[in-house]
């Protein structure tokens, strides 16, 4: 059975930056039949970073956006759905009651992974390890 993976924004940034661990995961994914996805949340965070860095230069921004969109196109992009919203709300409330709040984007990514039964690939495991039943792969 093929692996099913959801990649977070940190992974994409690390991959583009040439991080050895992220590159190793990419090589493994490319060598196997693996469902590789990102969330619309990751798309937002990634493109926000491109806009933030290059907004001052219209032509450079256009070039960087084109490159970013090509990178994003390598993945299945999963939408934010009612089921994900409901799961995220439960995770968020449960963690808040324990005094262990996590950023909204991380809660949404975790909920996406849980709803689609995907393994979340991330370097930032501190927040994610608090979420029960979430499968995490780090590098």
N, C-alpha and C. Protein backbone atom coordinates (compact mmCIF):
# COMPACT_ATOMS: atom_id res chain seq x y z
N UNK A 1 0.84 -1.18 0.00
CA UNK A 1 0.00 0.00 0.00
C UNK A 1 0.88 1.25 0.00
N UNK A 2 0.60 2.22 -0.85
CA UNK A 2 1.43 3.42 -0.91
C UNK A 2 1.30 4.26 0.35
N UNK A 3 2.35 5.00 0.63
CA UNK A 3 2.33 5.93 1.75
C UNK A 3 1.45 7.12 1.41
N UNK A 4 0.88 7.71 2.43
CA UNK A 4 0.02 8.88 2.27
C UNK A 4 0.59 9.98 3.14
N UNK A 5 1.02 11.08 2.53
CA UNK A 5 1.72 12.12 3.27
C UNK A 5 1.15 13.50 3.02
N UNK A 6 1.10 14.29 4.10
CA UNK A 6 0.74 15.71 4.04
C UNK A 6 1.97 16.48 4.48
N UNK A 7 2.44 17.38 3.63
CA UNK A 7 3.65 18.16 3.92
C UNK A 7 3.27 19.54 4.43
N UNK A 8 3.98 19.99 5.47
CA UNK A 8 3.66 21.32 6.01
C UNK A 8 4.53 22.39 5.36
N UNK A 9 4.27 23.62 5.71
CA UNK A 9 4.95 24.77 5.11
C UNK A 9 6.44 24.75 5.42
N UNK A 10 6.81 24.38 6.63
CA UNK A 10 8.22 24.32 6.99
C UNK A 10 8.97 23.37 6.07
N UNK A 11 8.35 22.24 5.75
CA UNK A 11 8.98 21.29 4.84
C UNK A 11 9.25 21.94 3.48
N UNK A 12 8.24 22.62 2.93
CA UNK A 12 8.42 23.26 1.62
C UNK A 12 9.55 24.27 1.65
N UNK A 13 9.58 25.08 2.69
CA UNK A 13 10.64 26.09 2.82
C UNK A 13 12.00 25.40 2.92
N UNK A 14 12.07 24.36 3.73
CA UNK A 14 13.33 23.63 3.88
C UNK A 14 13.77 22.99 2.56
N UNK A 15 12.81 22.45 1.83
CA UNK A 15 13.14 21.81 0.55
C UNK A 15 13.70 22.83 -0.44
N UNK A 16 13.05 23.97 -0.56
CA UNK A 16 13.51 25.02 -1.47
C UNK A 16 14.86 25.59 -1.03
N UNK A 17 15.09 25.59 0.29
CA UNK A 17 16.34 26.11 0.83
C UNK A 17 17.47 25.10 0.77
N UNK A 18 17.19 23.88 0.31
CA UNK A 18 18.24 22.88 0.16
C UNK A 18 18.55 22.08 1.42
N UNK A 19 17.64 22.07 2.40
CA UNK A 19 17.86 21.29 3.62
C UNK A 19 18.05 19.81 3.26
N UNK A 20 19.08 19.21 3.81
CA UNK A 20 19.43 17.82 3.49
C UNK A 20 18.32 16.84 3.86
N UNK A 21 17.73 17.00 5.03
CA UNK A 21 16.66 16.11 5.45
C UNK A 21 15.44 16.22 4.56
N UNK A 22 15.06 17.43 4.22
CA UNK A 22 13.90 17.64 3.34
C UNK A 22 14.18 17.07 1.95
N UNK A 23 15.39 17.26 1.47
CA UNK A 23 15.76 16.73 0.16
C UNK A 23 15.73 15.20 0.15
N UNK A 24 16.17 14.58 1.25
CA UNK A 24 16.14 13.13 1.36
C UNK A 24 14.69 12.62 1.28
N UNK A 25 13.80 13.27 2.00
CA UNK A 25 12.37 12.89 1.96
C UNK A 25 11.85 13.04 0.52
N UNK A 26 12.19 14.13 -0.15
CA UNK A 26 11.72 14.36 -1.52
C UNK A 26 12.21 13.25 -2.45
N UNK A 27 13.45 12.83 -2.29
CA UNK A 27 13.99 11.74 -3.12
C UNK A 27 13.25 10.44 -2.86
N UNK A 28 12.94 10.15 -1.59
CA UNK A 28 12.19 8.95 -1.25
C UNK A 28 10.79 8.99 -1.86
N UNK A 29 10.15 10.14 -1.74
CA UNK A 29 8.79 10.30 -2.26
C UNK A 29 8.78 10.15 -3.77
N UNK A 30 9.77 10.75 -4.44
CA UNK A 30 9.83 10.67 -5.90
C UNK A 30 10.15 9.25 -6.38
N UNK A 31 10.83 8.45 -5.55
CA UNK A 31 11.22 7.10 -5.94
C UNK A 31 10.10 6.08 -5.73
N UNK A 32 9.10 6.42 -4.92
CA UNK A 32 8.01 5.50 -4.60
C UNK A 32 6.68 6.03 -5.13
N UNK A 33 5.68 5.18 -5.05
CA UNK A 33 4.32 5.63 -5.36
C UNK A 33 3.73 6.15 -4.05
N UNK A 34 3.79 7.44 -3.88
CA UNK A 34 3.35 8.06 -2.63
C UNK A 34 2.37 9.18 -2.94
N UNK A 35 1.25 9.16 -2.23
CA UNK A 35 0.30 10.27 -2.33
C UNK A 35 0.90 11.41 -1.54
N UNK A 36 1.19 12.51 -2.22
CA UNK A 36 1.81 13.65 -1.56
C UNK A 36 0.89 14.85 -1.69
N UNK A 37 0.55 15.41 -0.55
CA UNK A 37 -0.42 16.49 -0.53
C UNK A 37 0.05 17.63 0.36
N UNK A 38 -0.56 18.78 0.11
CA UNK A 38 -0.44 19.93 0.99
C UNK A 38 -1.85 20.48 1.18
N UNK A 39 -2.00 21.23 2.22
CA UNK A 39 -3.29 21.86 2.52
C UNK A 39 -3.36 23.24 1.88
N UNK A 40 -4.57 23.71 1.66
CA UNK A 40 -4.72 25.10 1.21
C UNK A 40 -4.12 26.05 2.24
N UNK A 41 -4.04 25.63 3.49
CA UNK A 41 -3.40 26.44 4.54
C UNK A 41 -1.91 26.61 4.22
N UNK A 42 -1.27 25.54 3.81
CA UNK A 42 0.15 25.59 3.43
C UNK A 42 0.33 26.47 2.20
N UNK A 43 -0.57 26.35 1.23
CA UNK A 43 -0.49 27.21 0.05
C UNK A 43 -0.53 28.68 0.48
N UNK A 44 -1.47 29.01 1.36
CA UNK A 44 -1.58 30.39 1.85
C UNK A 44 -0.29 30.84 2.53
N UNK A 45 0.22 30.04 3.46
CA UNK A 45 1.42 30.44 4.20
C UNK A 45 2.62 30.59 3.27
N UNK A 46 2.76 29.67 2.34
CA UNK A 46 3.90 29.69 1.43
C UNK A 46 3.85 30.91 0.50
N UNK A 47 2.69 31.13 -0.10
CA UNK A 47 2.56 32.28 -1.01
C UNK A 47 2.61 33.60 -0.26
N UNK A 48 2.11 33.63 0.96
CA UNK A 48 2.22 34.84 1.79
C UNK A 48 3.69 35.22 1.97
N UNK A 49 4.51 34.21 2.22
CA UNK A 49 5.95 34.47 2.37
C UNK A 49 6.56 35.05 1.10
N UNK A 50 6.18 34.52 -0.04
CA UNK A 50 6.69 35.03 -1.33
C UNK A 50 6.26 36.48 -1.51
N UNK A 51 4.97 36.75 -1.28
CA UNK A 51 4.49 38.13 -1.41
C UNK A 51 5.21 39.05 -0.42
N UNK A 52 5.36 38.61 0.80
CA UNK A 52 5.97 39.44 1.84
C UNK A 52 7.41 39.82 1.46
N UNK A 53 8.15 38.86 0.97
CA UNK A 53 9.56 39.09 0.65
C UNK A 53 9.74 39.91 -0.63
N UNK A 54 8.89 39.67 -1.65
CA UNK A 54 9.14 40.25 -2.97
C UNK A 54 8.12 41.29 -3.41
N UNK A 55 7.23 41.71 -2.55
CA UNK A 55 6.18 42.65 -2.93
C UNK A 55 6.73 43.99 -3.42
N UNK A 56 7.91 44.34 -2.99
CA UNK A 56 8.53 45.62 -3.36
C UNK A 56 9.00 45.67 -4.81
N UNK A 57 9.13 44.51 -5.47
CA UNK A 57 9.66 44.45 -6.83
C UNK A 57 8.72 43.61 -7.69
N UNK A 58 7.90 44.29 -8.49
CA UNK A 58 6.83 43.63 -9.25
C UNK A 58 7.35 42.53 -10.18
N UNK A 59 8.43 42.79 -10.88
CA UNK A 59 8.92 41.79 -11.83
C UNK A 59 9.55 40.60 -11.11
N UNK A 60 10.28 40.85 -10.02
CA UNK A 60 10.86 39.76 -9.24
C UNK A 60 9.74 38.96 -8.57
N UNK A 61 8.71 39.66 -8.11
CA UNK A 61 7.56 38.98 -7.50
C UNK A 61 6.91 38.03 -8.51
N UNK A 62 6.70 38.49 -9.72
CA UNK A 62 6.08 37.65 -10.75
C UNK A 62 6.92 36.40 -10.99
N UNK A 63 8.22 36.55 -11.05
CA UNK A 63 9.13 35.42 -11.27
C UNK A 63 9.08 34.45 -10.09
N UNK A 64 9.12 34.97 -8.89
CA UNK A 64 9.11 34.12 -7.69
C UNK A 64 7.76 33.42 -7.53
N UNK A 65 6.66 34.10 -7.89
CA UNK A 65 5.34 33.48 -7.81
C UNK A 65 5.23 32.32 -8.81
N UNK A 66 5.78 32.52 -10.00
CA UNK A 66 5.75 31.47 -11.01
C UNK A 66 6.52 30.24 -10.51
N UNK A 67 7.68 30.47 -9.91
CA UNK A 67 8.49 29.37 -9.37
C UNK A 67 7.75 28.69 -8.21
N UNK A 68 7.16 29.48 -7.33
CA UNK A 68 6.43 28.93 -6.18
C UNK A 68 5.25 28.08 -6.65
N UNK A 69 4.52 28.56 -7.63
CA UNK A 69 3.37 27.82 -8.13
C UNK A 69 3.80 26.51 -8.79
N UNK A 70 4.94 26.49 -9.44
CA UNK A 70 5.47 25.24 -10.01
C UNK A 70 5.83 24.26 -8.89
N UNK A 71 6.40 24.76 -7.81
CA UNK A 71 6.73 23.91 -6.67
C UNK A 71 5.47 23.34 -6.03
N UNK A 72 4.46 24.19 -5.87
CA UNK A 72 3.20 23.76 -5.25
C UNK A 72 2.46 22.74 -6.13
N UNK A 73 2.61 22.85 -7.43
CA UNK A 73 1.91 21.97 -8.37
C UNK A 73 2.37 20.52 -8.26
N UNK A 74 3.46 20.26 -7.60
CA UNK A 74 3.95 18.89 -7.42
C UNK A 74 3.08 18.10 -6.45
N UNK A 75 2.21 18.82 -5.73
CA UNK A 75 1.40 18.21 -4.68
C UNK A 75 -0.09 18.27 -5.01
N UNK A 76 -0.82 17.31 -4.48
CA UNK A 76 -2.28 17.39 -4.47
C UNK A 76 -2.62 18.45 -3.41
N UNK A 77 -3.47 19.39 -3.76
CA UNK A 77 -3.81 20.45 -2.80
C UNK A 77 -5.19 20.14 -2.22
N UNK A 78 -5.21 19.90 -0.91
CA UNK A 78 -6.43 19.50 -0.23
C UNK A 78 -7.17 20.74 0.30
N UNK A 79 -8.47 20.82 0.05
CA UNK A 79 -9.25 21.99 0.47
C UNK A 79 -9.57 21.96 1.96
N UNK A 80 -9.91 23.12 2.47
CA UNK A 80 -10.40 23.27 3.84
C UNK A 80 -11.90 22.98 3.81
N UNK A 81 -12.31 21.93 4.49
CA UNK A 81 -13.70 21.48 4.43
C UNK A 81 -14.38 21.61 5.79
N UNK A 82 -15.68 21.38 5.79
CA UNK A 82 -16.43 21.39 7.05
C UNK A 82 -15.87 20.35 8.01
N UNK A 83 -15.58 19.16 7.53
CA UNK A 83 -15.06 18.09 8.39
C UNK A 83 -13.73 18.51 9.02
N UNK A 84 -12.87 19.15 8.25
CA UNK A 84 -11.60 19.63 8.78
C UNK A 84 -11.84 20.73 9.81
N UNK A 85 -12.77 21.64 9.51
CA UNK A 85 -13.09 22.71 10.46
C UNK A 85 -13.58 22.14 11.79
N UNK A 86 -14.45 21.14 11.70
CA UNK A 86 -15.00 20.54 12.92
C UNK A 86 -13.91 19.83 13.71
N UNK A 87 -13.07 19.07 13.03
CA UNK A 87 -11.97 18.36 13.70
C UNK A 87 -11.00 19.37 14.31
N UNK A 88 -10.69 20.43 13.58
CA UNK A 88 -9.79 21.47 14.09
C UNK A 88 -10.37 22.14 15.32
N UNK A 89 -11.67 22.41 15.31
CA UNK A 89 -12.31 23.04 16.47
C UNK A 89 -12.18 22.15 17.70
N UNK A 90 -12.38 20.84 17.51
CA UNK A 90 -12.24 19.91 18.64
C UNK A 90 -10.81 19.88 19.16
N UNK A 91 -9.84 19.79 18.25
CA UNK A 91 -8.43 19.79 18.65
C UNK A 91 -8.10 21.08 19.40
N UNK A 92 -8.48 22.21 18.82
CA UNK A 92 -8.18 23.52 19.40
C UNK A 92 -8.76 23.66 20.80
N UNK A 93 -10.03 23.27 20.96
CA UNK A 93 -10.68 23.38 22.27
C UNK A 93 -10.04 22.44 23.29
N UNK A 94 -9.73 21.22 22.87
CA UNK A 94 -9.11 20.25 23.77
C UNK A 94 -7.76 20.74 24.26
N UNK A 95 -6.94 21.24 23.34
CA UNK A 95 -5.62 21.75 23.73
C UNK A 95 -5.74 23.01 24.59
N UNK A 96 -6.67 23.89 24.26
CA UNK A 96 -6.85 25.13 25.04
C UNK A 96 -7.25 24.80 26.48
N UNK A 97 -8.11 23.81 26.64
CA UNK A 97 -8.54 23.42 28.00
C UNK A 97 -7.37 22.86 28.81
N UNK A 98 -6.37 22.30 28.13
CA UNK A 98 -5.18 21.78 28.80
C UNK A 98 -4.11 22.86 28.94
N UNK A 99 -4.39 24.07 28.43
CA UNK A 99 -3.38 25.13 28.46
C UNK A 99 -2.25 24.90 27.48
N UNK A 100 -2.52 24.18 26.40
CA UNK A 100 -1.50 23.83 25.42
C UNK A 100 -1.87 24.34 24.03
N UNK A 101 -2.23 25.57 23.93
CA UNK A 101 -2.66 26.12 22.64
C UNK A 101 -1.58 25.97 21.58
N UNK A 102 -2.04 25.77 20.36
CA UNK A 102 -1.18 25.64 19.19
C UNK A 102 -1.70 26.64 18.17
N UNK A 103 -0.84 27.12 17.28
CA UNK A 103 -1.29 28.09 16.29
C UNK A 103 -2.43 27.51 15.45
N UNK A 104 -3.29 28.40 14.99
CA UNK A 104 -4.43 27.97 14.19
C UNK A 104 -3.99 27.20 12.95
N UNK A 105 -2.95 27.69 12.28
CA UNK A 105 -2.50 26.99 11.07
C UNK A 105 -2.04 25.57 11.38
N UNK A 106 -1.35 25.36 12.51
CA UNK A 106 -0.92 24.02 12.87
C UNK A 106 -2.11 23.13 13.22
N UNK A 107 -3.11 23.69 13.89
CA UNK A 107 -4.32 22.92 14.20
C UNK A 107 -5.02 22.51 12.91
N UNK A 108 -5.11 23.42 11.95
CA UNK A 108 -5.76 23.12 10.68
C UNK A 108 -5.00 22.05 9.89
N UNK A 109 -3.68 22.12 9.92
CA UNK A 109 -2.88 21.10 9.24
C UNK A 109 -3.06 19.73 9.89
N UNK A 110 -3.03 19.72 11.22
CA UNK A 110 -3.23 18.46 11.93
C UNK A 110 -4.61 17.88 11.63
N UNK A 111 -5.62 18.72 11.64
CA UNK A 111 -6.98 18.26 11.34
C UNK A 111 -7.07 17.72 9.92
N UNK A 112 -6.41 18.36 8.99
CA UNK A 112 -6.40 17.88 7.60
C UNK A 112 -5.76 16.49 7.54
N UNK A 113 -4.62 16.32 8.20
CA UNK A 113 -3.95 15.02 8.20
C UNK A 113 -4.85 13.95 8.83
N UNK A 114 -5.50 14.29 9.92
CA UNK A 114 -6.38 13.32 10.58
C UNK A 114 -7.59 12.96 9.71
N UNK A 115 -8.21 13.96 9.11
CA UNK A 115 -9.41 13.71 8.30
C UNK A 115 -9.11 12.87 7.07
N UNK A 116 -7.93 13.03 6.50
CA UNK A 116 -7.56 12.27 5.30
C UNK A 116 -6.70 11.05 5.62
N UNK A 117 -6.45 10.81 6.91
CA UNK A 117 -5.61 9.71 7.37
C UNK A 117 -4.23 9.76 6.71
N UNK A 118 -3.60 10.92 6.81
CA UNK A 118 -2.27 11.14 6.23
C UNK A 118 -1.23 11.28 7.33
N UNK A 119 0.00 10.97 7.01
CA UNK A 119 1.13 11.23 7.89
C UNK A 119 1.61 12.65 7.63
N UNK A 120 1.71 13.44 8.67
CA UNK A 120 2.18 14.82 8.53
C UNK A 120 3.70 14.85 8.54
N UNK A 121 4.29 15.40 7.48
CA UNK A 121 5.74 15.51 7.37
C UNK A 121 6.12 16.93 7.77
N UNK A 122 6.91 17.04 8.84
CA UNK A 122 7.29 18.35 9.38
C UNK A 122 8.58 18.24 10.17
N UNK A 123 9.25 19.35 10.31
CA UNK A 123 10.41 19.45 11.20
C UNK A 123 9.95 19.95 12.56
N UNK A 124 8.82 20.63 12.62
CA UNK A 124 8.31 21.25 13.84
C UNK A 124 7.37 20.30 14.58
N UNK A 125 7.94 19.36 15.32
CA UNK A 125 7.10 18.36 15.96
C UNK A 125 6.60 18.77 17.35
N UNK A 126 7.18 19.79 17.95
CA UNK A 126 6.80 20.17 19.32
C UNK A 126 5.30 20.37 19.49
N UNK A 127 4.69 21.16 18.62
CA UNK A 127 3.25 21.41 18.74
C UNK A 127 2.45 20.19 18.30
N UNK A 128 2.86 19.59 17.23
CA UNK A 128 2.09 18.51 16.65
C UNK A 128 2.04 17.26 17.53
N UNK A 129 3.08 17.02 18.32
CA UNK A 129 3.09 15.80 19.13
C UNK A 129 2.03 15.83 20.23
N UNK A 130 1.46 16.99 20.51
CA UNK A 130 0.40 17.11 21.52
C UNK A 130 -0.96 16.61 21.00
N UNK A 131 -1.06 16.38 19.72
CA UNK A 131 -2.35 16.05 19.11
C UNK A 131 -2.50 14.53 19.00
N UNK A 132 -3.46 13.98 19.73
CA UNK A 132 -3.63 12.52 19.73
C UNK A 132 -3.95 11.96 18.34
N UNK A 133 -3.43 10.78 18.09
CA UNK A 133 -3.68 10.01 16.87
C UNK A 133 -3.08 10.61 15.60
N UNK A 134 -2.34 11.68 15.73
CA UNK A 134 -1.70 12.30 14.55
C UNK A 134 -0.41 11.55 14.25
N UNK A 135 -0.29 11.06 13.01
CA UNK A 135 0.93 10.40 12.58
C UNK A 135 1.89 11.47 12.06
N UNK A 136 3.12 11.45 12.59
CA UNK A 136 4.11 12.47 12.25
C UNK A 136 5.38 11.80 11.74
N UNK A 137 5.93 12.39 10.68
CA UNK A 137 7.24 11.99 10.18
C UNK A 137 8.12 13.23 10.19
N UNK A 138 9.30 13.11 10.75
CA UNK A 138 10.20 14.25 10.79
C UNK A 138 11.47 13.92 10.02
N UNK A 139 12.30 14.91 9.87
CA UNK A 139 13.54 14.73 9.11
C UNK A 139 14.65 15.53 9.75
